[in-house]
Each structure stands twice: as C-alpha cells, then as structure tokens.
C-alpha cells in the first residue's frame, strides 16, 4: 500500500449574491436604482455593463436620488468628463458617489490618471461604466450591474455582488 497525499483543501468559492429586476421604462429603471441604493453599502466598486443606450446612467440617477446626492435631472453621463462626484447620505452617514465612464480610455496608463485608488475610500460607492474593459477595474470590483435591452424600453437588470 502506498502513502497517498491527502486531498488538497478546497478553497470555498467567493460568496456572491445575485438580484434580478425587469423594467418597462426609464422611470422603472430609476426606481430600480433607488432600490439598489439600499442594497449596496460602501465601500463598493461596481462595474456598470451594458450596450450604449441601455440605461446605465438612468440607473445611476435613481441611486443618486435615493442617497440624496442629486436629483435625477442633475445626473448626466460622464462620457466626456470621465468622473462625476456626488455627496449623499446612507443610513445617516456621509457617502461619496462616483460615476465614471471609461469608454473613451484606451489603456491602463490612461486609467491610472483618473486616480481610481484614491476614490476607493471607506465611504465611497464607485460606479464604472465600461469598467469590464480593464483588468485592474475587474480585479478591484466588488460586483457588477448588467443591463440588457429586452425590446423597446424594457430592460433586464442583473446585479451581482461579492460578499
């Protein structure tokens, strides 16, 4: 009889929670954003994934509104400015909401100029449109919000949060 090595201990898979929503309009998407603001607690870095025009910024409008950080009409896409910052509150505590759009960035070197690490403070919710383009963002990410068009103004929103 030979001595076999004991089986290697398996690392438990990272705990993940998934939430799914369906919306029929932009107003519904804003409402889902309000609900998400109750689910996500700082510090978080979430990738916002979805094709152009699927409602990523519309969803952020609801999150910002729920945090008393901005009215829906004050939240715009950061396509050209790259970062929008909002000050809000959650459960009576200050929260920084950062909304980034890295679509126009072409590499990690350009991304570094944004100072993403400095944004990741204990009181921060960082939402990054097109973050899946960058390894460094995927590595730091604590979850993802994927928005898919299901025809017309209808959307499927899938939120995956790492525990």
C-alpha atoms as a PDB file:
ATOM      1  CA  UNK A   1       0.000   0.000   0.000  1.00  0.00           C
ATOM      2  CA  UNK A   2       1.394   3.405  -0.950  1.00  0.00           C
ATOM      3  CA  UNK A   3       1.013   6.538   1.061  1.00  0.00           C
ATOM      4  CA  UNK A   4      -1.097   8.954  -0.962  1.00  0.00           C
ATOM      5  CA  UNK A   5      -1.066  12.631  -0.162  1.00  0.00           C
ATOM      6  CA  UNK A   6      -4.253  13.819   1.487  1.00  0.00           C
ATOM      7  CA  UNK A   7      -6.616  15.616  -0.861  1.00  0.00           C
ATOM      8  CA  UNK A   8      -5.907  19.323  -1.123  1.00  0.00           C
ATOM      9  CA  UNK A   9      -8.278  21.511   0.827  1.00  0.00           C
ATOM     10  CA  UNK A  10     -10.659  23.255  -1.484  1.00  0.00           C
ATOM     11  CA  UNK A  11     -10.961  26.987  -1.227  1.00  0.00           C
ATOM     12  CA  UNK A  12     -14.615  27.891  -0.864  1.00  0.00           C
ATOM     13  CA  UNK A  13     -15.932  29.845  -3.832  1.00  0.00           C
ATOM     14  CA  UNK A  14     -16.397  33.545  -3.241  1.00  0.00           C
ATOM     15  CA  UNK A  15     -19.878  34.197  -1.909  1.00  0.00           C
ATOM     16  CA  UNK A  16     -21.956  36.003  -4.494  1.00  0.00           C
ATOM     17  CA  UNK A  17     -25.474  37.410  -4.284  1.00  0.00           C
ATOM     18  CA  UNK A  18     -27.482  37.995  -7.428  1.00  0.00           C
ATOM     19  CA  UNK A  19     -30.542  40.212  -7.768  1.00  0.00           C
ATOM     20  CA  UNK A  20     -32.611  40.478 -10.940  1.00  0.00           C
ATOM     21  CA  UNK A  21     -35.018  43.193 -11.994  1.00  0.00           C
ATOM     22  CA  UNK A  22     -37.072  43.849 -15.105  1.00  0.00           C
ATOM     23  CA  UNK A  23     -38.157  47.313 -16.140  1.00  0.00           C
ATOM     24  CA  UNK A  24     -40.513  48.636 -18.790  1.00  0.00           C
ATOM     25  CA  UNK A  25     -39.446  52.301 -18.865  1.00  0.00           C
ATOM     26  CA  UNK A  26     -36.779  54.798 -17.866  1.00  0.00           C
ATOM     27  CA  UNK A  27     -38.867  55.642 -14.794  1.00  0.00           C
ATOM     28  CA  UNK A  28     -38.817  51.956 -13.807  1.00  0.00           C
ATOM     29  CA  UNK A  29     -35.026  51.903 -14.230  1.00  0.00           C
ATOM     30  CA  UNK A  30     -34.686  54.942 -11.949  1.00  0.00           C
ATOM     31  CA  UNK A  31     -36.845  53.132  -9.376  1.00  0.00           C
ATOM     32  CA  UNK A  32     -34.584  50.055  -9.554  1.00  0.00           C
ATOM     33  CA  UNK A  33     -31.645  52.411  -8.917  1.00  0.00           C
ATOM     34  CA  UNK A  34     -33.411  53.650  -5.772  1.00  0.00           C
ATOM     35  CA  UNK A  35     -33.818  50.042  -4.618  1.00  0.00           C
ATOM     36  CA  UNK A  36     -30.164  49.276  -5.377  1.00  0.00           C
ATOM     37  CA  UNK A  37     -29.054  52.171  -3.191  1.00  0.00           C
ATOM     38  CA  UNK A  38     -30.440  50.176  -0.253  1.00  0.00           C
ATOM     39  CA  UNK A  39     -28.554  47.015  -1.288  1.00  0.00           C
ATOM     40  CA  UNK A  40     -25.082  48.444  -1.846  1.00  0.00           C
ATOM     41  CA  UNK A  41     -23.066  49.646   1.122  1.00  0.00           C
ATOM     42  CA  UNK A  42     -19.731  51.473   0.894  1.00  0.00           C
ATOM     43  CA  UNK A  43     -17.039  50.733   0.079  1.00  0.00           C
ATOM     44  CA  UNK A  44     -18.066  49.336  -3.312  1.00  0.00           C
ATOM     45  CA  UNK A  45     -16.683  49.439  -6.829  1.00  0.00           C
ATOM     46  CA  UNK A  46     -19.309  48.193  -9.247  1.00  0.00           C
ATOM     47  CA  UNK A  47     -18.948  47.754 -12.972  1.00  0.00           C
ATOM     48  CA  UNK A  48     -21.931  49.010 -14.980  1.00  0.00           C
ATOM     49  CA  UNK A  49     -22.170  46.772 -18.029  1.00  0.00           C
ATOM     50  CA  UNK A  50     -24.488  47.326 -20.970  1.00  0.00           C
ATOM     51  CA  UNK A  51     -24.601  48.465 -24.555  1.00  0.00           C
ATOM     52  CA  UNK A  52     -24.875  52.140 -25.448  1.00  0.00           C
ATOM     53  CA  UNK A  53     -28.322  53.436 -24.565  1.00  0.00           C
ATOM     54  CA  UNK A  54     -29.373  50.591 -22.271  1.00  0.00           C
ATOM     55  CA  UNK A  55     -29.829  52.874 -19.260  1.00  0.00           C
ATOM     56  CA  UNK A  56     -26.627  52.764 -17.202  1.00  0.00           C
ATOM     57  CA  UNK A  57     -26.790  56.491 -16.424  1.00  0.00           C
ATOM     58  CA  UNK A  58     -30.563  56.253 -15.881  1.00  0.00           C
ATOM     59  CA  UNK A  59     -29.925  53.645 -13.196  1.00  0.00           C
ATOM     60  CA  UNK A  60     -27.323  55.915 -11.546  1.00  0.00           C
ATOM     61  CA  UNK A  61     -29.974  58.678 -11.456  1.00  0.00           C
ATOM     62  CA  UNK A  62     -32.055  56.502  -9.105  1.00  0.00           C
ATOM     63  CA  UNK A  63     -29.089  55.594  -6.926  1.00  0.00           C
ATOM     64  CA  UNK A  64     -28.069  59.257  -6.596  1.00  0.00           C
ATOM     65  CA  UNK A  65     -31.629  60.285  -5.811  1.00  0.00           C
ATOM     66  CA  UNK A  66     -32.020  57.620  -3.108  1.00  0.00           C
ATOM     67  CA  UNK A  67     -28.778  58.783  -1.463  1.00  0.00           C
ATOM     68  CA  UNK A  68     -29.963  62.418  -1.525  1.00  0.00           C
ATOM     69  CA  UNK A  69     -26.851  63.092  -3.600  1.00  0.00           C
ATOM     70  CA  UNK A  70     -28.591  64.625  -6.639  1.00  0.00           C
ATOM     71  CA  UNK A  71     -31.937  64.924  -8.361  1.00  0.00           C
ATOM     72  CA  UNK A  72     -32.404  62.627 -11.344  1.00  0.00           C
ATOM     73  CA  UNK A  73     -32.154  65.503 -13.842  1.00  0.00           C
ATOM     74  CA  UNK A  74     -28.798  66.578 -12.329  1.00  0.00           C
ATOM     75  CA  UNK A  75     -27.175  63.215 -13.100  1.00  0.00           C
ATOM     76  CA  UNK A  76     -25.672  63.063 -16.587  1.00  0.00           C
ATOM     77  CA  UNK A  77     -23.340  60.693 -18.330  1.00  0.00           C
ATOM     78  CA  UNK A  78     -19.663  61.360 -17.546  1.00  0.00           C
ATOM     79  CA  UNK A  79     -18.694  60.374 -21.112  1.00  0.00           C
ATOM     80  CA  UNK A  80     -16.542  63.451 -21.694  1.00  0.00           C
ATOM     81  CA  UNK A  81     -15.686  64.487 -18.118  1.00  0.00           C
ATOM     82  CA  UNK A  82     -14.915  60.856 -17.144  1.00  0.00           C
ATOM     83  CA  UNK A  83     -15.941  61.311 -13.457  1.00  0.00           C
ATOM     84  CA  UNK A  84     -18.929  62.850 -11.731  1.00  0.00           C
ATOM     85  CA  UNK A  85     -18.883  63.096  -7.941  1.00  0.00           C
ATOM     86  CA  UNK A  86     -21.939  63.427  -5.707  1.00  0.00           C
ATOM     87  CA  UNK A  87     -22.165  63.794  -1.922  1.00  0.00           C
ATOM     88  CA  UNK A  88     -25.019  61.952  -0.266  1.00  0.00           C
ATOM     89  CA  UNK A  89     -26.014  60.027   2.822  1.00  0.00           C
ATOM     90  CA  UNK A  90     -26.913  56.442   3.568  1.00  0.00           C
ATOM     91  CA  UNK A  91     -28.273  55.344   6.932  1.00  0.00           C
ATOM     92  CA  UNK A  92     -27.359  58.790   8.322  1.00  0.00           C
ATOM     93  CA  UNK A  93     -23.711  58.520   7.257  1.00  0.00           C
ATOM     94  CA  UNK A  94     -21.977  60.525   4.507  1.00  0.00           C
ATOM     95  CA  UNK A  95     -21.495  58.712   1.198  1.00  0.00           C
ATOM     96  CA  UNK A  96     -19.444  59.712  -1.824  1.00  0.00           C
ATOM     97  CA  UNK A  97     -20.979  58.538  -5.093  1.00  0.00           C
ATOM     98  CA  UNK A  98     -18.551  58.465  -8.013  1.00  0.00           C
ATOM     99  CA  UNK A  99     -19.913  57.802 -11.506  1.00  0.00           C
ATOM    100  CA  UNK A 100     -17.203  57.063 -14.069  1.00  0.00           C
ATOM    101  CA  UNK A 101     -17.311  56.374 -17.788  1.00  0.00           C
ATOM    102  CA  UNK A 102     -14.090  54.826 -19.096  1.00  0.00           C
ATOM    103  CA  UNK A 103     -15.390  54.070 -22.606  1.00  0.00           C
ATOM    104  CA  UNK A 104     -13.015  56.558 -24.255  1.00  0.00           C
ATOM    105  CA  UNK A 105      -9.910  55.400 -22.362  1.00  0.00           C
ATOM    106  CA  UNK A 106      -7.595  53.190 -24.369  1.00  0.00           C
ATOM    107  CA  UNK A 107      -5.339  51.568 -21.811  1.00  0.00           C
ATOM    108  CA  UNK A 108      -4.350  51.050 -18.205  1.00  0.00           C
ATOM    109  CA  UNK A 109      -1.939  54.006 -18.386  1.00  0.00           C
ATOM    110  CA  UNK A 110      -4.789  56.407 -19.204  1.00  0.00           C
ATOM    111  CA  UNK A 111      -6.886  54.795 -16.491  1.00  0.00           C
ATOM    112  CA  UNK A 112      -4.160  55.436 -13.905  1.00  0.00           C
ATOM    113  CA  UNK A 113      -4.503  59.194 -14.471  1.00  0.00           C
ATOM    114  CA  UNK A 114      -8.033  59.046 -13.016  1.00  0.00           C
ATOM    115  CA  UNK A 115      -6.708  58.129  -9.562  1.00  0.00           C
ATOM    116  CA  UNK A 116      -9.186  55.301  -9.091  1.00  0.00           C
ATOM    117  CA  UNK A 117      -7.391  54.024  -5.980  1.00  0.00           C
ATOM    118  CA  UNK A 118      -7.860  57.426  -4.306  1.00  0.00           C
ATOM    119  CA  UNK A 119     -11.614  57.221  -4.947  1.00  0.00           C
ATOM    120  CA  UNK A 120     -11.918  53.881  -3.157  1.00  0.00           C
ATOM    121  CA  UNK A 121     -12.390  55.265   0.344  1.00  0.00           C
ATOM    122  CA  UNK A 122     -14.452  53.561   3.079  1.00  0.00           C
ATOM    123  CA  UNK A 123     -17.425  55.866   2.363  1.00  0.00           C
ATOM    124  CA  UNK A 124     -17.385  55.509  -1.433  1.00  0.00           C
ATOM    125  CA  UNK A 125     -19.715  53.934  -3.965  1.00  0.00           C
ATOM    126  CA  UNK A 126     -17.844  53.882  -7.275  1.00  0.00           C
ATOM    127  CA  UNK A 127     -19.907  53.010 -10.356  1.00  0.00           C
ATOM    128  CA  UNK A 128     -17.856  52.484 -13.516  1.00  0.00           C
ATOM    129  CA  UNK A 129     -19.435  52.344 -16.964  1.00  0.00           C
ATOM    130  CA  UNK A 130     -17.396  50.166 -19.349  1.00  0.00           C
ATOM    131  CA  UNK A 131     -15.169  49.007 -16.472  1.00  0.00           C
ATOM    132  CA  UNK A 132     -15.062  45.487 -17.888  1.00  0.00           C
ATOM    133  CA  UNK A 133     -12.551  46.804 -20.477  1.00  0.00           C
ATOM    134  CA  UNK A 134      -9.813  46.971 -17.828  1.00  0.00           C
ATOM    135  CA  UNK A 135      -8.206  44.140 -15.857  1.00  0.00           C
ATOM    136  CA  UNK A 136      -7.376  46.441 -12.946  1.00  0.00           C
ATOM    137  CA  UNK A 137     -11.010  47.511 -12.554  1.00  0.00           C
ATOM    138  CA  UNK A 138     -12.275  43.932 -12.812  1.00  0.00           C
ATOM    139  CA  UNK A 139      -9.766  42.927 -10.120  1.00  0.00           C
ATOM    140  CA  UNK A 140     -10.891  45.700  -7.724  1.00  0.00           C
ATOM    141  CA  UNK A 141     -14.572  45.273  -8.499  1.00  0.00           C
ATOM    142  CA  UNK A 142     -16.919  44.172  -5.728  1.00  0.00           C
ATOM    143  CA  UNK A 143     -19.678  43.388  -8.187  1.00  0.00           C
ATOM    144  CA  UNK A 144     -21.401  44.167 -11.445  1.00  0.00           C
ATOM    145  CA  UNK A 145     -24.662  45.612 -12.674  1.00  0.00           C
ATOM    146  CA  UNK A 146     -25.518  44.293 -16.138  1.00  0.00           C
ATOM    147  CA  UNK A 147     -28.310  45.951 -18.111  1.00  0.00           C
ATOM    148  CA  UNK A 148     -29.714  44.260 -21.187  1.00  0.00           C
ATOM    149  CA  UNK A 149     -32.370  45.538 -23.552  1.00  0.00           C
ATOM    150  CA  UNK A 150     -35.230  43.065 -23.915  1.00  0.00           C
ATOM    151  CA  UNK A 151     -37.055  45.068 -26.598  1.00  0.00           C
ATOM    152  CA  UNK A 152     -38.277  48.642 -26.738  1.00  0.00           C
ATOM    153  CA  UNK A 153     -37.794  50.356 -23.380  1.00  0.00           C
ATOM    154  CA  UNK A 154     -37.845  47.049 -21.454  1.00  0.00           C
ATOM    155  CA  UNK A 155     -34.655  46.084 -19.624  1.00  0.00           C
ATOM    156  CA  UNK A 156     -33.314  43.182 -17.604  1.00  0.00           C
ATOM    157  CA  UNK A 157     -31.019  44.336 -14.799  1.00  0.00           C
ATOM    158  CA  UNK A 158     -28.820  41.737 -13.119  1.00  0.00           C
ATOM    159  CA  UNK A 159     -26.868  42.776 -10.035  1.00  0.00           C
ATOM    160  CA  UNK A 160     -24.069  40.510  -8.823  1.00  0.00           C
ATOM    161  CA  UNK A 161     -22.468  41.467  -5.508  1.00  0.00           C
ATOM    162  CA  UNK A 162     -19.463  39.735  -3.953  1.00  0.00           C
ATOM    163  CA  UNK A 163     -19.857  39.091  -0.255  1.00  0.00           C
END
